[in-house]
Protein backbone atom coordinates (compact mmCIF):
# COMPACT_ATOMS: atom_id res chain seq x y z
CA UNK A 1 94.72 71.36 143.34
CA UNK A 2 93.30 68.61 145.55
CA UNK A 3 94.64 69.07 149.07
CA UNK A 4 93.86 66.23 151.44
CA UNK A 5 95.11 63.28 153.45
CA UNK A 6 95.87 60.13 151.47
CA UNK A 7 96.57 56.65 152.80
CA UNK A 8 99.69 54.96 151.49
CA UNK A 9 99.87 51.15 151.74
CA UNK A 10 103.30 49.78 152.69
CA UNK A 11 104.93 46.57 153.75
CA UNK A 12 104.27 46.05 157.45
CA UNK A 13 107.28 47.18 159.48
CA UNK A 14 108.55 49.55 156.78
CA UNK A 15 106.40 52.54 157.84
CA UNK A 16 109.18 54.49 159.61
CA UNK A 17 111.73 53.78 156.88
CA UNK A 18 109.35 54.97 154.17
CA UNK A 19 108.50 58.11 156.14
CA UNK A 20 112.22 58.91 156.44
CA UNK A 21 112.72 58.20 152.72
CA UNK A 22 109.93 60.59 151.71
CA UNK A 23 111.31 63.29 154.02
CA UNK A 24 114.80 62.88 152.52
CA UNK A 25 113.31 63.04 148.99
CA UNK A 26 111.75 66.40 149.94
CA UNK A 27 115.09 67.67 151.31
CA UNK A 28 116.93 66.49 148.17
CA UNK A 29 114.41 68.18 145.89
CA UNK A 30 113.06 64.93 144.39
CA UNK A 31 109.62 65.80 145.78
CA UNK A 32 108.23 69.30 146.20
CA UNK A 33 107.38 70.46 149.72
CA UNK A 34 104.52 72.40 148.11
CA UNK A 35 102.94 69.10 147.08
CA UNK A 36 103.95 66.76 149.95
CA UNK A 37 102.83 68.72 153.00
CA UNK A 38 103.04 66.20 155.84
CA UNK A 39 103.66 62.51 156.60
CA UNK A 40 102.37 60.62 159.65
CA UNK A 41 102.76 57.04 160.84
CA UNK A 42 99.61 56.60 163.00
CA UNK A 43 100.59 55.42 166.49
CA UNK A 44 98.71 55.26 169.78
CA UNK A 45 99.76 54.82 173.39
CA UNK A 46 99.06 51.36 174.82
CA UNK A 47 99.32 50.66 178.54
CA UNK A 48 100.77 47.25 179.34
CA UNK A 49 100.75 45.78 182.83
CA UNK A 50 103.58 43.32 183.41
CA UNK A 51 104.68 41.98 186.76
CA UNK A 52 102.51 44.58 188.48
CA UNK A 53 104.17 47.51 186.68
CA UNK A 54 102.51 49.78 184.15
CA UNK A 55 104.33 50.66 180.95
CA UNK A 56 103.11 52.97 178.22
CA UNK A 57 104.24 51.89 174.77
CA UNK A 58 103.61 53.55 171.41
CA UNK A 59 102.20 51.07 168.90
CA UNK A 60 101.05 51.47 165.32
CA UNK A 61 97.28 51.20 165.15
CA UNK A 62 97.32 50.95 161.34
CA UNK A 63 100.30 48.68 160.64
CA UNK A 64 101.19 48.75 156.98
CA UNK A 65 99.72 52.21 156.35
CA UNK A 66 101.04 55.78 156.34
CA UNK A 67 99.02 59.00 156.24
CA UNK A 68 100.40 61.50 153.76
CA UNK A 69 99.03 65.00 153.21
CA UNK A 70 99.31 66.00 149.58
CA UNK A 71 98.28 69.03 147.55
CA UNK A 72 98.11 67.22 144.22
CA UNK A 73 97.94 69.40 141.11
CA UNK A 74 95.14 68.65 138.63
CA UNK A 75 97.71 68.21 135.89
CA UNK A 76 101.04 66.65 136.68
CA UNK A 77 99.98 64.47 139.61
CA UNK A 78 101.33 61.33 137.95
CA UNK A 79 105.10 62.02 138.42
CA UNK A 80 104.60 62.75 142.13
CA UNK A 81 102.54 59.62 142.74
CA UNK A 82 104.90 57.49 140.66
CA UNK A 83 107.92 58.73 142.63
CA UNK A 84 106.18 57.79 145.89
CA UNK A 85 105.07 54.40 144.56
CA UNK A 86 108.62 53.57 143.41
CA UNK A 87 109.95 53.75 147.00
CA UNK A 88 110.95 50.27 148.14
CA UNK A 89 108.27 48.89 150.46
CA UNK A 90 105.39 50.99 149.06
CA UNK A 91 102.61 49.01 147.40
CA UNK A 92 100.46 52.01 146.40
CA UNK A 93 97.72 54.37 147.45
CA UNK A 94 94.66 52.82 149.10
CA UNK A 95 91.61 52.53 146.86
CA UNK A 96 93.22 53.18 143.46
CA UNK A 97 95.31 51.54 140.76
CA UNK A 98 98.65 52.97 139.70
CA UNK A 99 97.21 54.60 136.56
CA UNK A 100 94.36 56.33 138.40
CA UNK A 101 94.65 59.51 140.46
CA UNK A 102 94.53 58.65 144.19
CA UNK A 103 91.52 59.73 146.23
CA UNK A 104 91.91 61.43 149.62
CA UNK A 105 90.11 60.18 152.71
CA UNK A 106 87.30 62.35 154.07
CA UNK A 107 88.05 65.18 156.49
CA UNK A 108 86.16 63.37 159.27
CA UNK A 109 88.25 60.23 158.80
CA UNK A 110 91.47 62.24 158.80
CA UNK A 111 90.48 64.13 161.95
CA UNK A 112 89.52 60.87 163.71
CA UNK A 113 92.87 59.25 162.84
CA UNK A 114 94.87 62.32 163.86
CA UNK A 115 92.97 62.59 167.16
CA UNK A 116 93.53 58.91 167.93
CA UNK A 117 97.25 59.33 167.33
CA UNK A 118 97.34 62.54 169.42
CA UNK A 119 98.46 64.79 166.56
CA UNK A 120 95.50 67.11 167.13
CA UNK A 121 93.61 67.85 170.31
CA UNK A 122 90.68 65.61 171.10
CA UNK A 123 89.69 62.78 173.34
CA UNK A 124 92.77 60.62 173.50
CA UNK A 125 93.28 58.00 176.11
CA UNK A 126 95.81 55.27 176.33
CA UNK A 127 94.40 51.93 175.27
CA UNK A 128 94.92 49.01 177.64
CA UNK A 129 96.41 45.89 176.10
CA UNK A 130 94.87 43.35 178.49
CA UNK A 131 91.35 42.10 177.93
CA UNK A 132 89.03 41.38 180.79
CA UNK A 133 85.82 39.34 181.00
CA UNK A 134 83.02 39.20 183.54
CA UNK A 135 83.73 36.57 186.22
CA UNK A 136 87.53 36.67 185.96
CA UNK A 137 89.58 36.96 189.13
CA UNK A 138 91.79 40.07 189.38
CA UNK A 139 94.10 41.69 191.90
CA UNK A 140 94.05 45.46 192.40
CA UNK A 141 97.61 46.76 192.09
CA UNK A 142 97.05 50.52 192.37
CA UNK A 143 94.74 53.03 194.02
CA UNK A 144 92.86 53.02 197.33
CA UNK A 145 91.99 49.30 197.13
CA UNK A 146 95.55 48.10 196.50
CA UNK A 147 96.19 44.42 197.35
CA UNK A 148 92.46 43.53 197.31
CA UNK A 149 91.39 40.66 195.07
CA UNK A 150 87.99 40.03 193.58
CA UNK A 151 85.94 39.03 190.59
CA UNK A 152 84.91 41.26 187.70
CA UNK A 153 81.23 42.18 187.72
CA UNK A 154 81.16 44.62 184.77
CA UNK A 155 83.55 45.75 182.01
CA UNK A 156 83.20 49.26 180.52
CA UNK A 157 85.77 49.63 177.73
CA UNK A 158 84.52 53.08 176.65
CA UNK A 159 85.48 54.53 180.05
CA UNK A 160 88.37 52.07 180.69
CA UNK A 161 86.68 51.02 183.95
CA UNK A 162 85.88 47.75 185.72
CA UNK A 163 83.43 47.03 188.51
CA UNK A 164 85.10 44.48 190.76
CA UNK A 165 83.50 42.79 193.76
CA UNK A 166 85.98 42.65 196.64
CA UNK A 167 85.63 41.50 200.22
CA UNK A 168 85.82 44.43 202.67
CA UNK A 169 85.27 43.56 206.35
CA UNK A 170 83.80 40.21 205.32
CA UNK A 171 81.22 41.70 202.94
CA UNK A 172 81.15 41.62 199.15
CA UNK A 173 81.51 45.24 198.02
CA UNK A 174 81.53 46.44 194.39
CA UNK A 175 84.26 48.97 193.61
CA UNK A 176 85.00 50.78 190.35
CA UNK A 177 88.62 50.76 189.23
CA UNK A 178 90.55 51.78 186.15
CA UNK A 179 91.73 49.03 183.78
CA UNK A 180 95.34 49.99 184.55
CA UNK A 181 94.80 49.43 188.29
CA UNK A 182 94.24 45.68 188.04
CA UNK A 183 96.01 42.57 186.83
CA UNK A 184 94.72 39.08 186.24
CA UNK A 185 95.42 36.44 188.86
């Protein structure tokens, strides 16, 4: 038995439909729940700022791909994989042809993808949709410096922070703000 996470390539936009189809195939007995252990459509939270309001939206960070945990038997893996490949919208397993046994992704890759989607505990932060560049003019819309405007001095995407120079009492003062606390002017 080769238990692991496999990546299934699908038509973009069909991920949820294919996940539901596989789950119904398990319920109907077409696929064994001992072989198909779990199915995930990798999504992440994205913070969008529109009209000064923050919205958190779930978006697929691997459009066209589904993670599927399988415990494939050494003999008899072909009927399971063929049944999954025959689902409308599935193009196949990543990295293999239809006549070759699929290969799982590494444990580290699986853990990284599951952490990013929030399925397992780890560092997960909402990604901000807007992009910022040094020198751009922004308005602070949240926090202690609300309604101040200034120019971006530094962008730190790892920490989701910006250093913005604002005018306080007639002096240029650098302040550090979160990416979700500003909007472009």
